[in-house]
Amino acid sequence: MVAAGEAGQGRTLGLVPSVSVTQTFTNNHLVSEIGRGDAITRLDASLGLRTQSSALQGLLDYTLSGAVYARHGEQNAVQNALNARMLADLVDNRLRLNASASISQGAISAFGVQPGNSVDNNANGTEVRSLEVAPSLRGMLGPWVQYTASLSHAITDSSGRGDGDSTTTSLSTRLEPRAAARWGWSVDASHLSSDFKQGRATQSNRLFAGLRGSLDDLDLEFSARGGVEQSDLTSLQLQSEGTWGLGVGWAPSPRTRVTADFDQRAFGRTHSFSAEHRMSRLSFRYQNARSLSTSGNLAQGGQDVIYQLVALEFASITDPVLRDAAIRRRLKIGRAHV
């Protein structure tokens, strides 16, 4: 469905329902029961929604899947899958609201059998639900300095389990020059608090300043930062420590980029190194990172890596909602042809 707006601005709303039935016959349902066959019927009912206007972009993909086993009725299962994202421009590119929600199958342990694309009772899998709301505000402080402030509140719940449930709230602000130049500076302040259903609550506060520069002739970018961090991640009481970091990036072409970052944080040393190169039908990416995660997301196997590789193909799409929709559509088509 497409609706036209006024003054040459268009509004697009698309609704796509779909239903599919898959029948599988096997003579080796379980490895421990060789010769024991079964017939598995899978039903997928999906609903896709897309909306795009000058002030709102959003998508919603929901799938309800069910599997019925002719001989192993105890393995009958129902699964939900949801990917919803919204980006709303509330006040003329100054106040924005970014929201997302998802339901997926996550792995309890990274060392067990990972959940696949089929509906089954994998003992190492659980349904993970997450919701995040993140408003952001940007504006000017005088004629030369701009500010950006953002707030994020995220909730993660792992279906019937408590070890993966968490609530995370973060607040960050940045000051930087309004005009882009070869040399620049920034001042950042951030607060992060995490609360786990099974585990203690933690918080971290950080204030630091950074310098950045570029050498266009060598296609190089580099940065340096330093400040102070207060956290209770490594102790029961808040402790303050100095932090610093260095970074460098090299982009000899739009299809090739190498970056490296190193930081000394209150909880230890972190690093991130990545190298990527895109060809017409092939992408390469290497990444090595050491950091700290305070989210309650369970292990997702290699899904994030695959997502990032496909994202290189759609790097030219600047709208984050439309780019995410294109990536997930490509991933879905790829799985269908495996």
Protein backbone atom coordinates (compact mmCIF):
# COMPACT_ATOMS: atom_id res chain seq x y z
CA MET A 1 0.00 0.00 0.00
CA VAL A 2 1.41 3.40 -1.01
CA ALA A 3 0.03 6.79 0.02
CA ALA A 4 1.16 10.07 -1.51
CA GLY A 5 1.84 13.08 0.69
CA GLU A 6 1.51 16.79 0.06
CA ALA A 7 4.01 19.23 -1.39
CA GLY A 8 5.83 16.52 -3.28
CA GLN A 9 6.70 14.53 -0.17
CA GLY A 10 5.70 10.90 -0.30
CA ARG A 11 4.75 8.53 2.46
CA THR A 12 5.19 4.83 1.90
CA LEU A 13 3.51 2.10 3.91
CA GLY A 14 3.94 -1.53 2.97
CA LEU A 15 2.32 -4.59 4.56
CA VAL A 16 3.37 -8.07 3.42
CA PRO A 17 1.89 -11.22 5.04
CA SER A 18 3.12 -14.68 4.12
CA VAL A 19 2.51 -18.32 5.07
CA SER A 20 4.68 -21.32 4.28
CA VAL A 21 4.49 -25.05 5.03
CA THR A 22 7.51 -27.35 4.96
CA GLN A 23 7.33 -31.13 5.17
CA THR A 24 10.42 -33.16 6.10
CA PHE A 25 10.73 -36.95 6.04
CA THR A 26 13.74 -38.60 7.65
CA ASN A 27 14.79 -42.16 8.54
CA ASN A 28 17.35 -40.92 11.09
CA HIS A 29 15.60 -38.44 13.35
CA LEU A 30 17.98 -38.88 16.27
CA VAL A 31 21.58 -40.05 16.00
CA SER A 32 20.98 -42.33 18.99
CA GLU A 33 18.00 -43.92 17.20
CA ILE A 34 19.41 -44.89 13.80
CA GLY A 35 16.65 -46.23 11.61
CA ARG A 36 13.95 -44.47 13.61
CA GLY A 37 12.20 -42.25 11.06
CA ASP A 38 9.84 -39.35 11.50
CA ALA A 39 7.76 -36.85 9.56
CA ILE A 40 8.12 -33.22 10.61
CA THR A 41 5.63 -30.55 9.56
CA ARG A 42 6.70 -26.92 9.94
CA LEU A 43 4.37 -23.94 9.56
CA ASP A 44 5.65 -20.34 9.32
CA ALA A 45 3.27 -17.37 9.45
CA SER A 46 5.01 -14.04 8.84
CA LEU A 47 4.05 -10.38 8.76
CA GLY A 48 6.28 -7.64 7.35
CA LEU A 49 5.61 -3.93 7.79
CA ARG A 50 7.58 -1.02 6.31
CA THR A 51 6.91 2.68 6.74
CA GLN A 52 8.92 5.63 5.47
CA SER A 53 8.25 9.36 5.54
CA SER A 54 10.21 12.54 6.09
CA ALA A 55 9.89 12.19 9.89
CA LEU A 56 9.54 8.45 10.46
CA GLN A 57 11.27 5.32 9.18
CA GLY A 58 10.43 1.93 10.58
CA LEU A 59 10.23 -1.78 9.94
CA LEU A 60 8.67 -4.77 11.65
CA ASP A 61 9.20 -8.42 10.77
CA TYR A 62 7.41 -11.03 12.89
CA THR A 63 7.30 -14.77 12.33
CA LEU A 64 5.41 -17.40 14.30
CA SER A 65 6.81 -20.87 13.65
CA GLY A 66 5.56 -24.25 14.77
CA ALA A 67 6.84 -27.80 14.29
CA VAL A 68 4.81 -31.01 14.69
CA TYR A 69 6.55 -34.42 14.88
CA ALA A 70 4.59 -37.49 13.84
CA ARG A 71 6.46 -39.88 16.20
CA HIS A 72 8.22 -37.58 18.67
CA GLY A 73 5.36 -35.45 19.92
CA GLU A 74 7.35 -34.39 22.98
CA GLN A 75 9.53 -32.32 20.63
CA ASN A 76 6.69 -30.28 19.20
CA ALA A 77 7.70 -26.64 19.51
CA VAL A 78 6.54 -23.09 18.84
CA GLN A 79 8.96 -20.20 18.31
CA ASN A 80 8.67 -16.45 17.87
CA ALA A 81 10.97 -14.23 15.83
CA LEU A 82 10.73 -10.44 15.84
CA ASN A 83 12.85 -7.64 14.41
CA ALA A 84 11.38 -4.16 14.85
CA ARG A 85 13.16 -0.83 14.44
CA MET A 86 11.99 2.77 14.38
CA LEU A 87 13.76 6.09 13.81
CA ALA A 88 11.63 9.18 14.38
CA ASP A 89 12.71 12.78 13.81
CA LEU A 90 10.66 14.54 16.49
CA VAL A 91 12.02 18.10 16.29
CA ASP A 92 13.56 19.07 12.94
CA ASN A 93 16.73 16.95 13.08
CA ARG A 94 17.41 18.05 16.68
CA LEU A 95 15.45 15.57 18.79
CA ARG A 96 15.38 11.97 17.54
CA LEU A 97 13.96 8.76 18.93
CA ASN A 98 15.53 5.42 18.05
CA ALA A 99 13.72 2.31 19.29
CA SER A 100 14.17 -1.39 18.63
CA ALA A 101 12.72 -4.69 19.79
CA SER A 102 13.69 -8.26 18.97
CA ILE A 103 12.86 -11.87 19.75
CA SER A 104 15.39 -14.49 18.72
CA GLN A 105 16.84 -17.84 19.66
CA GLY A 106 20.01 -17.45 21.71
CA ALA A 107 22.57 -19.94 22.91
CA ILE A 108 22.89 -20.54 26.64
CA SER A 109 26.49 -21.64 26.20
CA ALA A 110 28.89 -20.84 23.37
CA PHE A 111 30.31 -24.36 23.67
CA GLY A 112 27.06 -26.30 23.13
CA VAL A 113 24.99 -27.03 20.02
CA GLN A 114 24.03 -23.64 18.62
CA PRO A 115 20.38 -22.84 17.76
CA GLY A 116 19.78 -23.06 14.04
CA ASN A 117 17.06 -21.91 11.67
CA SER A 118 14.83 -24.88 12.46
CA VAL A 119 12.17 -25.18 15.15
CA ASP A 120 13.43 -27.71 17.66
CA ASN A 121 13.90 -28.27 21.36
CA ASN A 122 17.59 -27.54 21.53
CA ALA A 123 18.59 -27.88 25.18
CA ASN A 124 21.23 -25.20 24.64
CA GLY A 125 18.79 -22.68 23.19
CA THR A 126 16.37 -20.21 24.75
CA GLU A 127 14.16 -17.41 23.50
CA VAL A 128 15.78 -14.02 24.08
CA ARG A 129 13.63 -10.89 24.11
CA SER A 130 15.10 -7.38 24.07
CA LEU A 131 13.77 -3.83 23.99
CA GLU A 132 15.74 -0.59 23.65
CA VAL A 133 14.58 3.03 23.61
CA ALA A 134 17.17 5.70 22.83
CA PRO A 135 16.31 9.40 22.39
CA SER A 136 19.04 11.83 21.33
CA LEU A 137 19.31 15.62 21.26
CA ARG A 138 21.72 17.80 19.31
CA GLY A 139 22.17 21.55 19.12
CA MET A 140 24.59 24.51 19.24
CA LEU A 141 26.49 26.15 22.09
CA GLY A 142 27.46 29.45 20.54
CA PRO A 143 28.53 29.80 16.90
CA TRP A 144 31.40 27.28 16.92
CA VAL A 145 30.57 24.39 19.26
CA GLN A 146 27.87 21.74 18.91
CA TYR A 147 26.62 19.25 21.48
CA THR A 148 25.06 15.80 21.30
CA ALA A 149 23.29 14.13 24.22
CA SER A 150 21.80 10.64 24.13
CA LEU A 151 19.99 8.38 26.58
CA SER A 152 19.51 4.63 26.16
CA HIS A 153 17.46 2.19 28.23
CA ALA A 154 17.66 -1.49 27.26
CA ILE A 155 15.96 -4.56 28.73
CA THR A 156 16.93 -8.16 27.97
CA ASP A 157 14.91 -11.18 29.08
CA SER A 158 15.76 -14.81 28.40
CA SER A 159 12.53 -16.84 28.47
CA GLY A 160 12.19 -18.51 31.84
CA ARG A 161 15.86 -18.09 32.77
CA GLY A 162 17.33 -15.52 35.12
CA ASP A 163 21.01 -15.68 34.24
CA GLY A 164 20.60 -13.65 31.06
CA ASP A 165 18.13 -11.01 32.27
CA SER A 166 19.44 -7.47 32.57
CA THR A 167 18.52 -3.81 32.50
CA THR A 168 21.05 -1.30 31.16
CA THR A 169 20.82 2.49 31.18
CA SER A 170 23.42 4.74 29.58
CA LEU A 171 23.74 8.50 29.22
CA SER A 172 26.37 10.24 27.10
CA THR A 173 27.15 13.79 26.01
CA ARG A 174 29.73 15.18 23.57
CA LEU A 175 31.05 18.64 22.73
CA GLU A 176 32.93 19.21 19.46
CA PRO A 177 33.54 21.90 16.83
CA ARG A 178 30.65 22.62 14.50
CA ALA A 179 32.77 22.67 11.35
CA ALA A 180 34.69 19.59 10.25
CA ALA A 181 38.41 20.09 9.72
CA ARG A 182 41.64 18.12 9.38
CA TRP A 183 42.27 18.73 13.07
CA GLY A 184 39.61 18.53 15.74
CA TRP A 185 38.83 17.97 19.39
CA SER A 186 36.03 16.57 21.51
CA VAL A 187 34.98 16.29 25.16
CA ASP A 188 32.89 13.28 26.22
CA ALA A 189 31.07 12.40 29.44
CA SER A 190 29.19 9.15 29.98
CA HIS A 191 27.34 7.16 32.62
CA LEU A 192 26.50 3.46 32.42
CA SER A 193 24.55 1.38 34.93
CA SER A 194 23.71 -2.31 34.59
CA ASP A 195 21.46 -4.38 36.80
CA PHE A 196 21.18 -8.17 36.52
CA LYS A 197 18.42 -10.36 37.90
CA GLN A 198 21.11 -12.80 39.07
CA GLY A 199 24.06 -10.65 40.07
CA ARG A 200 24.87 -7.26 41.52
CA ALA A 201 24.27 -3.89 39.91
CA THR A 202 27.30 -2.01 38.56
CA GLN A 203 27.95 1.49 37.28
CA SER A 204 30.66 3.36 35.43
CA ASN A 205 31.26 7.09 34.90
CA ARG A 206 33.78 8.47 32.44
CA LEU A 207 35.03 11.92 31.46
CA PHE A 208 37.68 12.32 28.77
CA ALA A 209 38.92 14.66 26.05
CA GLY A 210 40.22 13.68 22.65
CA LEU A 211 42.22 15.04 19.73
CA ARG A 212 41.95 13.79 16.18
CA GLY A 213 43.65 14.56 12.91
CA SER A 214 44.01 13.34 9.34
CA LEU A 215 46.72 13.19 6.71
CA ASP A 216 44.77 13.16 3.46
CA ASP A 217 47.84 12.53 1.31
CA LEU A 218 48.46 9.26 3.20
CA ASP A 219 44.79 8.37 3.71
CA LEU A 220 45.46 8.25 7.47
CA GLU A 221 43.36 9.22 10.46
CA PHE A 222 44.60 9.15 14.03
CA SER A 223 43.29 10.03 17.48
CA ALA A 224 44.41 10.32 21.10
CA ARG A 225 42.28 10.55 24.24
CA GLY A 226 42.71 10.79 27.98
CA GLY A 227 40.64 11.37 31.09
CA VAL A 228 39.33 9.81 34.29
CA GLU A 229 36.99 6.87 34.91
CA GLN A 230 35.04 5.91 38.03
CA SER A 231 33.53 2.42 38.35
CA ASP A 232 32.76 -0.48 40.68
CA LEU A 233 33.34 -3.19 38.09
CA THR A 234 36.44 -4.56 39.82
CA SER A 235 35.48 -3.76 43.42
CA LEU A 236 32.41 -3.29 45.59
CA GLN A 237 33.13 0.44 45.94
CA LEU A 238 33.47 3.15 43.30
CA GLN A 239 37.12 3.73 42.41
CA SER A 240 38.64 6.40 40.18
CA GLU A 241 41.50 5.83 37.76
CA GLY A 242 43.08 7.65 34.85
CA THR A 243 42.38 6.36 31.33
CA TRP A 244 43.99 6.99 27.96
CA GLY A 245 43.88 5.62 24.44
CA LEU A 246 45.26 5.81 20.90
CA GLY A 247 43.71 5.04 17.53
CA VAL A 248 44.66 4.98 13.86
CA GLY A 249 42.76 4.33 10.65
CA TRP A 250 43.87 3.81 7.06
CA ALA A 251 41.45 3.91 4.11
CA PRO A 252 43.33 3.82 0.77
CA SER A 253 40.03 3.29 -1.09
CA PRO A 254 36.26 3.27 -0.37
CA ARG A 255 36.39 -0.54 -0.37
CA THR A 256 39.39 -1.04 1.90
CA ARG A 257 39.79 0.07 5.50
CA VAL A 258 42.10 -0.87 8.39
CA THR A 259 41.59 0.44 11.94
CA ALA A 260 43.34 -0.14 15.26
CA ASP A 261 42.48 1.18 18.74
CA PHE A 262 44.13 0.68 22.11
CA ASP A 263 42.80 1.90 25.49
CA GLN A 264 43.84 1.67 29.10
CA ARG A 265 40.58 1.49 31.08
CA ALA A 266 39.73 1.17 34.77
CA PHE A 267 39.04 -2.56 34.35
CA GLY A 268 42.13 -3.29 32.23
CA ARG A 269 43.52 -2.91 28.74
CA THR A 270 41.30 -3.13 25.67
CA HIS A 271 42.11 -3.24 21.97
CA SER A 272 40.30 -3.45 18.67
CA PHE A 273 41.78 -4.25 15.26
CA SER A 274 39.84 -4.70 12.05
CA ALA A 275 40.69 -5.01 8.37
CA GLU A 276 38.09 -5.24 5.61
CA HIS A 277 38.04 -5.28 1.83
CA ARG A 278 35.06 -5.46 -0.50
CA MET A 279 35.03 -6.83 -4.03
CA SER A 280 32.13 -6.92 -6.46
CA ARG A 281 30.83 -10.27 -5.18
CA LEU A 282 33.09 -11.08 -2.26
CA SER A 283 33.98 -9.46 1.08
CA PHE A 284 36.83 -10.11 3.48
CA ARG A 285 36.87 -9.01 7.11
CA TYR A 286 39.24 -9.72 9.99
CA GLN A 287 38.52 -8.51 13.50
CA ASN A 288 40.30 -8.98 16.81
CA ALA A 289 38.97 -7.27 19.92
CA ARG A 290 39.28 -7.39 23.68
CA SER A 291 36.77 -5.39 25.69
CA LEU A 292 34.12 -5.55 28.39
CA SER A 293 30.42 -6.18 27.81
CA THR A 294 27.87 -5.27 30.48
CA SER A 295 24.82 -6.44 28.51
CA GLY A 296 22.86 -9.55 29.37
CA ASN A 297 22.70 -10.94 25.84
CA LEU A 298 23.40 -14.64 25.61
CA ALA A 299 25.92 -16.08 23.16
CA GLN A 300 24.82 -15.67 19.55
CA GLY A 301 27.42 -17.82 17.83
CA GLY A 302 28.64 -16.41 14.52
CA GLN A 303 25.48 -14.52 13.60
CA ASP A 304 27.01 -11.10 14.36
CA VAL A 305 30.02 -11.84 12.16
CA ILE A 306 27.82 -12.85 9.23
CA TYR A 307 25.67 -9.76 9.72
CA GLN A 308 28.75 -7.51 9.60
CA LEU A 309 30.03 -9.18 6.45
CA VAL A 310 26.71 -8.67 4.65
CA ALA A 311 26.59 -5.09 5.98
CA LEU A 312 29.67 -4.26 3.88
CA GLU A 313 27.57 -4.85 0.76
CA PHE A 314 25.05 -2.22 1.84
CA ALA A 315 27.48 0.36 3.23
CA SER A 316 26.21 2.94 0.72
CA ILE A 317 22.74 2.99 2.37
CA THR A 318 22.99 5.82 4.90
CA ASP A 319 19.60 5.29 6.57
CA PRO A 320 20.22 2.80 9.42
CA VAL A 321 16.67 1.39 9.36
CA LEU A 322 16.66 0.78 5.61
CA ARG A 323 20.20 -0.65 5.75
CA ASP A 324 19.22 -3.09 8.50
CA ALA A 325 16.15 -4.19 6.52
CA ALA A 326 18.25 -4.80 3.39
CA ILE A 327 20.83 -6.82 5.35
CA ARG A 328 18.23 -9.03 7.05
CA ARG A 329 16.39 -9.55 3.76
CA ARG A 330 19.62 -10.74 2.14
CA LEU A 331 20.38 -13.04 5.09
CA LYS A 332 16.89 -14.55 4.84
CA ILE A 333 17.25 -15.16 1.09
CA GLY A 334 20.68 -16.72 1.66
CA ARG A 335 19.36 -19.17 4.26
CA ALA A 336 16.51 -20.14 1.96
CA HIS A 337 19.02 -21.29 -0.70
CA VAL A 338 21.25 -23.31 1.65
